[in-house]
Protein backbone atom coordinates (compact mmCIF):
# COMPACT_ATOMS: atom_id res chain seq x y z
CA MET A 1 0.01 0.00 0.00
CA LEU A 2 1.27 3.45 -0.84
CA ASN A 3 2.20 5.62 2.08
CA VAL A 4 0.75 8.95 0.97
CA PRO A 5 2.26 11.86 2.90
CA LYS A 6 -0.20 14.40 4.26
CA LEU A 7 2.28 17.22 4.45
CA ARG A 8 3.80 19.18 1.62
CA GLY A 9 7.36 18.60 0.54
CA LEU A 10 9.35 20.78 -1.77
CA ALA A 11 7.79 24.22 -2.05
CA LEU A 12 6.66 25.49 -5.45
CA LEU A 13 9.27 27.40 -7.35
CA LEU A 14 8.19 29.31 -10.46
CA VAL A 15 10.63 31.35 -12.47
CA ILE A 16 9.77 33.38 -15.55
CA LEU A 17 12.88 33.68 -17.60
CA PRO A 18 13.70 37.19 -18.86
CA CYS A 19 14.30 36.34 -22.49
CA ALA A 20 12.82 37.10 -25.84
CA GLY A 21 9.60 35.15 -26.26
CA PHE A 22 8.43 33.06 -23.36
CA ALA A 23 9.64 30.23 -21.10
CA GLU A 24 8.77 29.02 -17.63
CA ILE A 25 10.57 26.55 -15.44
CA GLY A 26 9.58 25.29 -12.06
CA ALA A 27 9.50 22.40 -9.64
CA GLY A 28 7.40 21.20 -6.77
CA THR A 29 5.66 18.22 -5.26
CA ALA A 30 2.71 16.57 -7.00
CA PRO A 31 -0.56 16.46 -5.05
CA ALA A 32 -1.33 13.43 -2.91
CA LEU A 33 -3.80 11.47 -5.01
CA GLY A 34 -7.07 10.09 -3.65
CA VAL A 35 -10.55 9.14 -4.72
CA SER A 36 -14.07 9.82 -3.54
CA SER A 37 -15.58 6.61 -2.20
CA GLU A 38 -19.01 5.69 -0.83
CA PHE A 39 -18.41 3.41 2.06
CA GLN A 40 -20.59 5.64 4.22
CA PHE A 41 -23.50 3.81 2.56
CA GLY A 42 -22.30 0.33 3.60
CA SER A 43 -19.12 -1.74 3.93
CA GLN A 44 -19.28 -3.14 0.34
CA SER A 45 -16.76 -5.94 0.75
CA ALA A 46 -16.22 -6.59 -2.98
CA LEU A 47 -15.41 -2.92 -3.62
CA ARG A 48 -13.08 -2.90 -0.67
CA GLU A 49 -11.19 -5.90 -2.06
CA VAL A 50 -10.69 -4.06 -5.37
CA VAL A 51 -9.43 -0.98 -3.50
CA GLU A 52 -6.96 -2.99 -1.47
CA ALA A 53 -5.80 -5.01 -4.52
CA GLY A 54 -5.09 -1.76 -6.40
CA ASN A 55 -3.22 -0.22 -3.41
CA ILE A 56 -5.70 2.66 -3.56
CA SER A 57 -5.61 4.82 -0.46
CA ASP A 58 -6.54 8.28 0.78
CA LEU A 59 -10.24 7.69 0.22
CA ARG A 60 -12.60 10.58 0.76
CA ASP A 61 -15.68 9.31 2.47
CA GLY A 62 -18.33 10.64 4.84
CA ILE A 63 -20.13 10.04 8.10
CA ILE A 64 -23.85 10.70 8.26
CA TRP A 65 -24.55 12.59 11.53
CA SER A 66 -28.04 11.07 12.02
CA ARG A 67 -26.64 7.53 11.85
CA VAL A 68 -24.22 8.05 14.72
CA GLU A 69 -26.30 10.41 16.87
CA VAL A 70 -29.71 8.78 16.66
CA ARG A 71 -30.75 10.34 19.97
CA PRO A 72 -29.50 13.79 21.03
CA GLY A 73 -26.16 13.55 22.87
CA GLU A 74 -25.71 9.81 22.31
CA PHE A 75 -22.97 8.92 19.84
CA GLU A 76 -22.55 5.40 18.51
CA LEU A 77 -19.69 5.67 16.06
CA GLY A 78 -18.34 2.49 14.60
CA ARG A 79 -21.65 0.68 14.70
CA ARG A 80 -22.00 -2.42 12.52
CA GLY A 81 -23.23 -1.40 9.10
CA GLU A 82 -21.74 2.13 9.18
CA GLY A 83 -19.44 1.56 6.28
CA ALA A 84 -17.00 4.42 6.66
CA SER A 85 -16.76 3.74 10.38
CA ASP A 86 -16.00 0.08 9.75
CA LEU A 87 -13.13 1.02 7.42
CA LEU A 88 -11.85 3.65 9.82
CA ASN A 89 -11.72 1.04 12.60
CA THR A 90 -9.93 -1.60 10.59
CA SER A 91 -7.67 0.08 8.03
CA SER A 92 -5.81 3.19 7.02
CA LEU A 93 -7.54 3.49 3.67
CA ILE A 94 -9.58 6.58 4.43
CA GLY A 95 -7.80 9.93 4.39
CA ILE A 96 -10.73 12.34 4.61
CA VAL A 97 -14.10 12.04 6.32
CA THR A 98 -16.70 14.66 5.39
CA VAL A 99 -19.21 15.67 8.09
CA PHE A 100 -22.56 17.05 7.12
CA PRO A 101 -24.46 19.64 9.24
CA GLN A 102 -27.89 18.00 9.09
CA ASN A 103 -29.63 15.76 11.65
CA PRO A 104 -33.42 15.26 12.24
CA ASN A 105 -32.79 15.90 15.94
CA TYR A 106 -31.80 19.48 15.25
CA ASP A 107 -33.60 22.33 13.43
CA GLY A 108 -36.12 19.85 12.06
CA GLY A 109 -33.53 18.07 9.94
CA ALA A 110 -32.66 21.22 7.97
CA THR A 111 -29.07 22.42 7.57
CA VAL A 112 -28.40 23.72 11.08
CA THR A 113 -28.66 27.47 11.62
CA SER A 114 -29.56 27.90 15.29
CA LYS A 115 -26.84 28.48 17.89
CA GLU A 116 -27.77 25.33 19.84
CA SER A 117 -27.78 23.15 16.73
CA ILE A 118 -24.46 24.53 15.50
CA GLU A 119 -22.99 23.68 18.90
CA ALA A 120 -24.41 20.16 18.58
CA PHE A 121 -22.85 19.79 15.12
CA ALA A 122 -19.48 20.80 16.55
CA LYS A 123 -19.81 18.17 19.26
CA HIS A 124 -20.54 15.58 16.56
CA VAL A 125 -17.40 16.58 14.65
CA GLU A 126 -15.43 16.24 17.91
CA SER A 127 -16.89 12.81 18.49
CA VAL A 128 -15.65 11.68 15.07
CA ALA A 129 -12.16 12.91 15.93
CA LEU A 130 -12.14 11.23 19.33
CA ALA A 131 -13.42 7.91 17.96
CA PHE A 132 -10.81 7.83 15.22
CA PRO A 133 -7.58 9.39 16.52
CA ASN A 134 -5.59 8.34 13.45
CA LEU A 135 -8.01 9.84 10.93
CA PRO A 136 -5.86 12.23 8.84
CA SER A 137 -8.42 14.89 7.89
CA ILE A 138 -11.95 16.06 8.57
CA GLU A 139 -13.77 18.06 5.93
CA VAL A 140 -16.62 20.29 7.05
CA ALA A 141 -19.67 19.96 4.69
CA ASN A 142 -19.74 19.58 0.94
CA GLU A 143 -20.17 22.33 -1.72
CA PHE A 144 -21.76 24.63 0.86
CA ASN A 145 -21.72 27.58 -1.56
CA THR A 146 -24.43 25.84 -3.65
CA GLN A 147 -28.03 25.01 -2.91
CA SER A 148 -27.48 21.36 -3.73
CA PHE A 149 -26.31 20.07 -0.35
CA VAL A 150 -28.27 22.33 2.04
CA LYS A 151 -31.93 22.47 2.86
CA GLY A 152 -34.30 24.62 4.87
CA PRO A 153 -33.51 28.27 5.62
CA ALA A 154 -29.83 27.88 4.62
CA GLN A 155 -30.95 27.09 1.07
CA GLN A 156 -32.60 30.51 0.78
CA LEU A 157 -29.53 32.44 1.82
CA ALA A 158 -27.44 34.33 -0.70
CA PRO A 159 -24.03 32.72 -1.19
CA LEU A 160 -22.15 35.22 0.95
CA GLU A 161 -24.78 34.86 3.69
CA ARG A 162 -24.20 31.12 3.55
CA ALA A 163 -20.48 31.83 3.91
CA ASP A 164 -21.24 33.71 7.12
CA LEU A 165 -23.17 30.68 8.42
CA TYR A 166 -20.32 28.38 7.46
CA ALA A 167 -17.86 30.62 9.32
CA GLN A 168 -19.98 30.05 12.43
CA TYR A 169 -19.54 26.26 11.98
CA LEU A 170 -15.78 26.59 11.85
CA ALA A 171 -15.62 28.92 14.85
CA GLU A 172 -17.72 26.57 16.95
CA ILE A 173 -15.72 23.48 15.83
CA ALA A 174 -12.51 25.29 16.79
CA LYS A 175 -13.79 25.54 20.42
CA ARG A 176 -13.96 21.74 20.88
CA PRO A 177 -10.82 20.51 22.73
CA GLY A 178 -11.04 17.11 21.10
CA LEU A 179 -10.20 18.70 17.76
CA ASP A 180 -6.96 20.33 18.85
CA GLY A 181 -4.23 19.54 16.34
CA ARG A 182 -6.59 17.89 13.85
CA HIS A 183 -6.35 18.68 10.14
CA ILE A 184 -9.56 20.56 9.38
CA ILE A 185 -10.48 21.16 5.73
CA GLY A 186 -12.86 24.06 5.24
CA ALA A 187 -14.63 26.24 2.66
CA ALA A 188 -16.03 23.18 0.79
CA THR A 189 -16.85 24.98 -2.45
CA HIS A 190 -18.05 23.99 -5.81
CA SER A 191 -15.70 25.80 -8.24
CA VAL A 192 -12.88 28.26 -7.44
CA ALA A 193 -15.42 30.55 -5.74
CA GLY A 194 -12.96 33.24 -4.71
CA GLY A 195 -15.58 35.76 -3.49
CA TYR A 196 -17.21 33.14 -1.25
CA ILE A 197 -13.90 31.98 0.13
CA TRP A 198 -12.65 35.52 0.67
CA ARG A 199 -15.86 36.26 2.66
CA LEU A 200 -15.05 33.32 4.91
CA LEU A 201 -11.49 34.63 5.41
CA ASP A 202 -12.81 38.13 6.12
CA GLN A 203 -14.77 36.52 9.01
CA GLY A 204 -11.53 35.08 10.47
CA ALA A 205 -12.29 31.53 9.33
CA GLY A 206 -8.71 31.02 8.21
CA ALA A 207 -7.68 30.67 11.87
CA HIS A 208 -10.05 27.71 12.23
CA MET A 209 -8.96 25.54 9.32
CA ASP A 210 -5.76 24.11 7.84
CA ALA A 211 -6.81 23.86 4.21
CA VAL A 212 -9.36 25.22 1.77
CA SER A 213 -11.22 22.65 -0.32
CA ILE A 214 -12.51 23.33 -3.83
CA HIS A 215 -14.21 21.32 -6.50
CA PRO A 216 -13.07 22.99 -9.78
CA TYR A 217 -15.70 21.52 -12.05
CA THR A 218 -16.17 24.87 -13.88
CA SER A 219 -12.43 25.39 -14.45
CA GLU A 220 -10.45 24.20 -17.44
CA ALA A 221 -7.00 22.82 -16.69
CA GLU A 222 -5.34 25.66 -18.62
CA GLN A 223 -7.15 28.32 -16.57
CA LEU A 224 -6.81 26.71 -13.12
CA PRO A 225 -3.30 27.91 -12.12
CA ARG A 226 -4.14 31.57 -12.72
CA GLN A 227 -7.49 31.24 -11.01
CA LEU A 228 -5.82 29.79 -7.91
CA ASP A 229 -3.29 32.63 -8.04
CA VAL A 230 -6.21 35.04 -7.66
CA LEU A 231 -7.63 33.04 -4.78
CA ARG A 232 -4.28 33.24 -3.00
CA ARG A 233 -4.26 37.07 -3.23
CA HIS A 234 -6.29 37.28 -0.02
CA PRO A 235 -3.82 37.56 2.88
CA GLY A 236 -5.83 35.01 4.81
CA MET A 237 -4.68 32.33 2.34
CA ALA A 238 -1.03 32.72 3.27
CA ASP A 239 -0.93 29.76 5.71
CA LEU A 240 -3.64 27.62 4.11
CA GLU A 241 -3.19 24.68 1.78
CA ILE A 242 -5.53 24.21 -1.18
CA GLU A 243 -7.02 20.72 -1.51
CA VAL A 244 -9.07 19.69 -4.48
CA THR A 245 -11.40 17.23 -2.74
CA GLU A 246 -13.32 16.47 -5.94
CA PHE A 247 -12.48 16.69 -9.62
CA GLY A 248 -13.86 14.66 -12.48
CA THR A 249 -15.95 14.80 -15.64
CA ASN A 250 -19.28 13.56 -16.99
CA ALA A 251 -17.71 12.91 -20.39
CA PRO A 252 -16.25 9.37 -19.95
CA ALA A 253 -14.47 9.33 -23.31
CA ASP A 254 -12.49 12.41 -22.30
CA ALA A 255 -11.90 11.34 -18.71
CA PRO A 256 -8.29 9.98 -18.94
CA ASP A 257 -7.06 13.16 -20.71
CA LYS A 258 -9.03 15.40 -18.35
CA PHE A 259 -7.51 13.57 -15.40
CA TRP A 260 -3.91 14.15 -16.52
CA ARG A 261 -4.40 17.74 -17.60
CA MET A 262 -6.09 18.72 -14.32
CA TYR A 263 -3.60 16.75 -12.21
CA CYS A 264 -0.59 18.41 -13.89
CA SER A 265 -2.24 21.86 -13.56
CA MET A 266 -2.90 21.22 -9.90
CA ALA A 267 0.73 20.32 -9.44
CA MET A 268 1.69 23.61 -11.12
CA SER A 269 -0.67 25.36 -8.68
CA ASP A 270 0.84 23.82 -5.51
CA VAL A 271 -2.36 21.97 -4.69
CA SER A 272 -1.59 19.58 -1.85
CA ARG A 273 -4.28 16.93 -2.48
CA ALA A 274 -6.30 15.83 -5.52
CA ILE A 275 -9.35 13.58 -5.10
CA TRP A 276 -10.97 12.05 -8.22
CA TYR A 277 -14.73 11.64 -8.26
CA PRO A 278 -15.92 8.86 -8.08
CA LEU A 279 -14.40 5.51 -7.16
CA ARG A 280 -17.29 3.43 -8.60
CA ALA A 281 -20.14 4.38 -10.99
CA ARG A 282 -22.88 6.19 -9.09
CA GLY A 283 -25.44 6.65 -11.83
CA ASP A 284 -24.79 10.40 -12.11
CA GLY A 285 -22.80 10.18 -15.37
CA PHE A 286 -19.40 10.99 -13.90
CA ALA A 287 -16.61 8.82 -15.10
CA PRO A 288 -15.55 6.40 -12.34
CA LEU A 289 -12.44 4.38 -11.77
CA PHE A 290 -14.53 1.19 -11.68
CA GLN A 291 -17.85 0.26 -13.24
CA GLN A 292 -20.66 -1.11 -11.13
CA ASP A 293 -19.46 -4.64 -11.86
CA LEU A 294 -15.97 -3.53 -10.68
CA ARG A 295 -14.30 -3.63 -14.11
CA ILE A 296 -11.64 -0.96 -14.34
CA THR A 297 -12.31 1.94 -16.70
CA PRO A 298 -9.86 3.83 -18.94
CA VAL A 299 -9.63 6.66 -16.41
CA GLY A 300 -9.11 4.03 -13.75
CA ARG A 301 -6.00 2.87 -15.61
CA ALA A 302 -4.77 6.46 -15.81
CA TYR A 303 -5.39 6.95 -12.08
CA LEU A 304 -3.47 3.82 -11.10
CA ALA A 305 -0.50 4.87 -13.24
CA ALA A 306 -0.48 8.31 -11.57
CA GLN A 307 -0.83 6.74 -8.17
CA GLN A 308 2.21 4.58 -8.69
CA MET A 309 4.43 7.07 -10.55
CA ALA A 310 3.28 10.59 -9.65
CA SER A 311 1.35 10.94 -6.39
CA SER A 312 3.27 13.03 -3.83
CA ARG A 313 6.44 12.71 -5.91
CA PRO A 314 8.76 15.50 -7.15
CA VAL A 315 7.52 17.19 -10.32
CA GLN A 316 9.07 19.54 -12.82
CA PHE A 317 7.02 21.79 -15.00
CA PHE A 318 7.36 22.27 -18.77
CA ARG A 319 6.19 25.57 -20.30
CA PRO A 320 8.32 26.27 -23.38
CA ASP A 321 5.78 28.78 -24.62
CA PRO A 322 2.33 30.06 -23.55
CA PHE A 323 0.56 27.43 -25.59
CA THR A 324 2.20 24.20 -24.33
CA SER A 325 2.01 22.65 -20.87
CA GLY A 326 3.61 19.62 -19.27
CA CYS A 327 4.80 17.92 -16.11
CA VAL A 328 7.53 15.36 -15.47
CA PHE A 329 6.70 13.27 -12.38
CA ASP A 330 9.63 11.77 -10.51
CA GLY A 331 11.67 11.82 -13.70
CA ARG A 332 9.80 8.77 -14.96
CA LEU A 333 6.46 9.93 -16.38
CA ALA A 334 5.84 13.00 -18.48
CA VAL A 335 2.57 14.58 -19.60
CA ILE A 336 2.42 17.12 -22.45
CA TRP A 337 -0.47 18.85 -24.22
CA GLY A 338 -1.23 22.19 -25.84
CA ALA A 339 -1.77 23.94 -29.17
CA PRO A 340 -1.47 21.38 -32.02
CA ARG A 341 2.07 20.73 -33.29
CA THR A 342 4.31 17.85 -34.15
CA VAL A 343 6.82 16.41 -31.67
CA ASP A 344 9.90 14.29 -32.25
CA ILE A 345 11.03 11.99 -29.40
CA LEU A 346 14.81 11.52 -29.43
CA ARG A 347 15.13 8.54 -27.05
CA ASP A 348 14.47 4.95 -27.95
CA ASP A 349 14.02 3.90 -24.30
CA VAL A 350 10.97 6.21 -23.83
CA GLU A 351 7.61 4.51 -24.14
CA VAL A 352 4.80 6.61 -25.75
CA LEU A 353 1.30 6.16 -24.36
CA TRP A 354 -2.25 7.44 -24.65
CA ALA A 355 -3.82 8.92 -21.57
CA ASP A 356 -5.34 5.58 -20.56
CA THR A 357 -1.82 4.03 -20.69
CA ARG A 358 -2.36 2.22 -24.03
CA LYS A 359 0.69 2.28 -26.32
CA ARG A 360 0.72 4.69 -29.23
CA SER A 361 2.90 5.29 -32.25
CA ARG A 362 6.34 6.89 -32.19
CA GLU A 363 5.03 9.73 -34.42
CA PRO A 364 2.69 11.46 -32.02
CA ALA A 365 1.51 15.05 -32.09
CA ILE A 366 0.71 17.46 -29.28
CA GLU A 367 -3.00 18.15 -29.08
CA GLU A 368 -5.19 20.52 -27.06
CA SER A 369 -7.49 18.05 -25.34
CA ARG A 370 -5.49 14.80 -25.63
CA VAL A 371 -2.31 14.38 -23.65
CA LEU A 372 0.93 12.79 -24.72
CA ILE A 373 2.31 10.44 -22.06
CA LEU A 374 5.97 9.41 -21.97
CA THR A 375 7.42 6.88 -19.52
CA THR A 376 10.84 5.46 -18.95
CA LYS A 377 12.64 2.98 -16.70
CA GLY A 378 16.00 4.44 -17.70
CA ALA A 379 17.53 7.87 -17.25
CA PRO A 380 15.15 10.64 -16.11
CA ILE A 381 13.06 12.31 -18.82
CA ASP A 382 14.16 15.82 -19.69
CA LEU A 383 11.60 17.43 -22.00
CA ASP A 384 14.02 20.21 -22.92
CA THR A 385 16.46 17.77 -24.51
CA ASP A 386 14.51 14.54 -25.09
CA VAL A 387 11.78 15.98 -27.33
CA VAL A 388 11.82 18.46 -30.18
CA LEU A 389 8.65 20.42 -30.73
CA GLY A 390 7.60 21.21 -34.28
CA ALA A 391 7.08 24.74 -35.54
CA SER A 392 3.89 26.58 -34.64
CA ASP A 393 2.32 29.57 -36.36
CA LEU A 394 0.37 30.65 -33.24
CA ILE A 395 1.37 34.13 -32.09
CA ALA A 396 -1.40 35.02 -29.63
CA ASP A 397 -4.34 33.12 -28.11
CA SER A 398 -7.01 34.77 -25.88
CA TYR A 399 -7.62 31.39 -24.12
CA TYR A 400 -4.10 30.26 -23.32
CA GLN A 401 -2.97 33.77 -22.44
CA PHE A 402 -5.90 34.83 -20.30
CA ASP A 403 -4.66 36.55 -17.17
CA PHE A 404 -5.79 38.60 -14.25
CA PRO A 405 -4.45 42.12 -13.47
CA ALA A 406 -3.22 42.87 -9.98
CA GLU A 407 -5.34 44.97 -7.67
CA GLY A 408 -5.56 48.53 -8.88
CA GLU A 409 -4.43 47.65 -12.40
CA GLY A 410 -6.26 47.16 -15.64
CA ALA A 411 -5.86 44.33 -18.19
CA ARG A 412 -3.50 46.38 -20.36
CA ASP A 413 0.23 46.02 -19.95
CA GLY A 414 1.33 47.11 -23.42
CA ASP A 415 3.60 44.12 -24.02
CA SER A 416 3.48 41.76 -26.96
CA LEU A 417 2.83 38.51 -25.05
CA GLY A 418 -0.90 38.13 -25.59
CA PHE A 419 -3.70 40.67 -25.76
CA ASP A 420 -4.55 43.85 -23.91
CA ARG A 421 -8.23 43.65 -22.97
CA PHE A 422 -10.62 46.53 -22.30
CA LEU A 423 -14.07 47.94 -23.05
CA GLN A 424 -14.99 50.97 -25.10
CA VAL A 425 -18.18 52.89 -24.27
CA ASN A 426 -18.92 55.68 -26.75
CA GLY A 427 -15.29 55.39 -27.79
CA GLU A 428 -13.96 55.91 -24.26
CA VAL A 429 -11.80 53.20 -22.67
CA VAL A 430 -13.26 51.37 -19.62
CA GLU A 431 -10.71 49.23 -17.82
CA PHE A 432 -11.25 45.65 -16.70
CA ALA A 433 -10.31 44.62 -13.15
CA THR A 434 -10.08 41.22 -11.45
CA CYS A 435 -13.17 39.93 -9.65
CA PRO A 436 -12.81 36.82 -7.50
CA GLY A 437 -15.98 34.86 -8.43
CA GLN A 438 -19.33 34.38 -6.71
CA GLU A 439 -18.89 37.67 -4.85
CA THR A 440 -22.47 38.53 -5.85
CA ARG A 441 -25.38 36.94 -7.71
CA ASN A 442 -25.36 36.13 -11.43
CA VAL A 443 -21.59 36.12 -11.92
CA PRO A 444 -19.18 33.23 -12.62
CA TRP A 445 -18.17 30.98 -9.72
CA PHE A 446 -14.49 31.45 -10.57
CA PRO A 447 -12.22 34.48 -11.07
CA TYR A 448 -13.04 36.63 -14.07
CA LEU A 449 -12.55 40.13 -15.46
CA CYS A 450 -15.20 42.70 -14.50
CA ALA A 451 -15.84 46.33 -15.32
CA PRO A 452 -16.36 48.22 -12.05
CA GLN A 453 -16.86 51.52 -13.85
CA GLY A 454 -19.01 50.15 -16.65
CA PRO A 455 -22.29 48.29 -17.24
CA ALA A 456 -22.67 44.63 -16.46
CA SER A 457 -19.90 43.31 -18.70
CA LEU A 458 -17.39 40.56 -17.96
CA LEU A 459 -14.81 38.40 -19.60
CA HIS A 460 -13.24 35.03 -18.79
CA GLY A 461 -11.09 32.51 -20.60
CA ARG A 462 -13.94 31.01 -22.58
CA GLY A 463 -16.62 33.68 -22.81
CA PHE A 464 -17.94 37.15 -22.33
CA VAL A 465 -20.97 39.28 -21.39
CA LEU A 466 -21.29 42.55 -23.25
CA GLY A 467 -23.63 44.68 -21.11
CA ALA A 468 -26.36 47.03 -22.25
CA ARG A 469 -26.38 50.75 -21.75
CA GLU A 470 -29.06 52.88 -23.40
CA ARG A 471 -27.80 54.89 -26.39
CA GLN A 472 -24.21 54.12 -25.49
CA PRO A 473 -22.54 51.63 -27.88
CA MET A 474 -20.47 49.04 -26.02
CA GLU A 475 -17.41 47.24 -27.46
CA LEU A 476 -15.09 44.52 -26.23
CA VAL A 477 -11.50 44.97 -27.44
CA HIS A 478 -8.57 42.49 -27.70
CA GLN A 479 -5.55 44.50 -28.79
CA PHE A 480 -2.20 42.99 -29.77
CA ASN A 481 0.89 45.21 -29.52
CA VAL A 482 3.31 44.35 -32.32
CA SER A 483 7.02 43.97 -31.53
CA GLU A 484 8.27 42.29 -34.74
CA TYR A 485 7.88 42.56 -38.51
CA GLN A 486 5.08 40.08 -39.12
CA ASN A 487 2.15 39.15 -41.38
CA LEU A 488 -0.68 38.34 -38.99
CA ALA A 489 -3.94 36.53 -39.73
CA ALA A 490 -6.77 36.59 -37.19
CA GLU A 491 -9.38 33.97 -36.46
CA VAL A 492 -12.28 34.52 -34.06
CA THR A 493 -14.43 31.66 -32.75
CA LEU A 494 -17.79 32.79 -31.36
CA ASN A 495 -20.94 31.16 -30.09
CA ILE A 496 -23.56 33.81 -29.39
CA LYS A 497 -26.12 32.79 -26.80
CA GLY A 498 -28.75 35.16 -28.20
CA ARG A 499 -30.33 37.85 -26.06
CA ASP A 500 -31.28 39.46 -29.37
CA SER A 501 -31.54 38.26 -32.93
CA ASP A 502 -29.00 40.47 -34.67
CA GLY A 503 -25.81 38.92 -33.16
CA VAL A 504 -22.56 40.81 -32.87
CA GLY A 505 -20.14 42.53 -35.19
CA VAL A 506 -16.43 41.65 -35.20
CA ARG A 507 -14.00 44.29 -36.54
CA LEU A 508 -10.37 43.91 -37.35
CA GLU A 509 -8.53 47.18 -36.82
CA HIS A 510 -4.91 48.06 -37.71
CA ASP A 511 -3.68 51.12 -35.77
CA GLY A 512 -7.33 52.10 -35.26
CA ARG A 513 -8.21 51.82 -38.99
CA VAL A 514 -10.98 49.31 -39.79
CA ILE A 515 -9.71 46.57 -42.11
CA ASP A 516 -12.78 44.30 -42.08
CA ARG A 517 -16.02 43.75 -40.19
CA GLN A 518 -18.08 40.54 -40.05
CA ILE A 519 -21.33 39.72 -38.36
CA THR A 520 -22.31 36.50 -36.65
CA THR A 521 -25.57 35.48 -35.00
CA GLY A 522 -24.68 32.03 -33.73
CA ASP A 523 -21.79 29.56 -33.78
CA SER A 524 -19.12 30.82 -36.15
CA ALA A 525 -15.41 30.68 -36.97
CA LEU A 526 -14.53 33.98 -38.57
CA LEU A 527 -11.33 34.30 -40.62
CA PHE A 528 -9.67 37.62 -41.43
CA SER A 529 -7.08 38.19 -44.16
CA ALA A 530 -3.46 38.63 -43.12
CA VAL A 531 -2.26 42.13 -42.27
CA PRO A 532 1.45 43.15 -42.57
CA VAL A 533 2.53 44.89 -39.37
CA VAL A 534 5.74 46.48 -38.04
CA PRO A 535 6.99 47.06 -34.48
CA GLY A 536 4.88 49.67 -32.69
CA ASP A 537 1.71 48.84 -34.58
CA THR A 538 -1.48 47.58 -32.92
CA LEU A 539 -3.87 44.97 -34.29
CA ALA A 540 -7.26 44.82 -32.52
CA LEU A 541 -10.29 42.57 -32.66
CA VAL A 542 -13.37 44.48 -31.57
CA ILE A 543 -16.69 42.82 -30.63
CA ASP A 544 -19.65 45.22 -30.92
CA SER A 545 -23.41 44.75 -30.27
CA ASN A 546 -24.33 45.22 -33.91
CA ASP A 547 -27.61 47.17 -34.40
CA THR A 548 -29.23 46.64 -31.02
CA LEU A 549 -27.85 47.63 -27.62
CA ALA A 550 -29.67 45.00 -25.55
CA GLY A 551 -26.44 43.18 -24.58
CA ASP A 552 -24.85 39.97 -25.77
CA VAL A 553 -23.53 36.77 -24.15
CA GLY A 554 -21.32 34.19 -25.80
CA GLU A 555 -18.28 32.01 -25.95
CA LEU A 556 -15.20 33.64 -27.49
CA ARG A 557 -11.71 32.73 -28.57
CA ILE A 558 -9.33 34.90 -30.55
CA ARG A 559 -6.10 33.70 -32.22
CA LEU A 560 -3.44 35.46 -34.24
CA ARG A 561 -1.30 33.38 -36.55
CA ASP A 562 1.89 34.04 -38.48
CA ALA A 563 0.87 34.08 -42.13
CA GLY A 564 4.53 34.23 -43.29
CA ALA A 565 6.27 36.57 -45.75
CA ALA A 566 6.55 39.44 -43.24
CA LEU A 567 7.90 42.77 -44.34
CA THR A 568 11.34 43.79 -43.06
CA PRO A 569 13.07 47.18 -42.93
CA LEU A 570 15.00 46.26 -46.08
CA GLU A 571 11.79 45.61 -48.01
């Protein structure tokens, strides 16, 4: 059985090299890998045998309060038939137990809100800790920032009001002497809900927990590191670990690739623990490690490979350009993906695999959504010397290069690595700022760009909202600042979600002069002819509301490509 450390090892080191173009290097420790199990619903001996045979550990399970405190004040933990308790009593498989703040004995079975019921919940959490002194971690509630796992009055609260209630839970739990020194995981959010978590920290909740737990189901792997950087901007995060206590996908065919991309991105983000959801098929469509009949799935094979070769091991990061990502775990297993390009592998002793660990050809290509896996039993893999990446014509990409300005700054830095982003209202610039996510109603549950001085407009890695303001035309601008002699072709992928029927206009502007304008009302890939540019020029893609000003919502991605035959000073 793997001995999965619960403490972090080598601290994250990230260095941006000051050179022409782009490169990042870094190293850290990969997250401890676990899986979300369901032994709280029964001992399930056949499933347990599969878990033990696969050396799977650090299970995340739960204890149902009403099953262990049937009568007020009487705790019967470890009763026969209480699956998680049975496992806790007899093995070290479980790494996290989640406790849920609902019991028919208190507040009518609703999520507890009264002072007396919150105190009773804290006593229940203490009873769990006292009954299982070797239990590594206790997680308080599950996705408490949603309405899915709460009921009664708590369900009617606004998210930040629910954060205030949750802060009361943590404060009361911290008073229980039986929990001294125990690893308490708090926040318990669906998504990287920075506004919700910051509200907890503003209430002093950081002093009552050791780690923040998130379930980044609304985050793409390529966006996650920057989103977590925003989360960590709150000073209350300084001493808190980030644990991803659920990640997964309801697209089983994509699950192995999703697993590796998210796991590598979490390593880059210094996440301390990563828990796949679920262990066995639960009927909710999420891709499990094992089917109901206990046959291993493709993502199950990927998980077991990561458990044996990556979990809690040293990791080095590979970012040769903004469009390519990779990790090398313990020198033996490498994961690479990114903007499409060829790759040449220079070592014969390196095995090339698909994400589910099946063998693939020696002529692989890097892809956006499918990872390239390399393994070796010989000398450590060095992606800087063992592979050669093919040429790429990609110059700028609004998705890969999406970033968040620091507090007090706008999303314009004037450099040539990616786009400057801003709004124009009646021709006047309105700056974007960073908003943390779920800080109010009807906004994304992850960090995004907002317009504090403008109408309700926002931008994130995949999409936008272009707000409405009567008689004031609104435009979303992505501006590229040219630093080389180039011939640049633009492509804009849009999927308009239709508040009105006339769609949006997309203009290509060179130094403020309109080169072309196209209109789209639905799902489109717009191509613009190449424009020769010289250092100091600007090339902008401008999204406007077309004829109506009712506002627009859609998905958006903008790319600039090198079309070749650039002008030079001699020409």
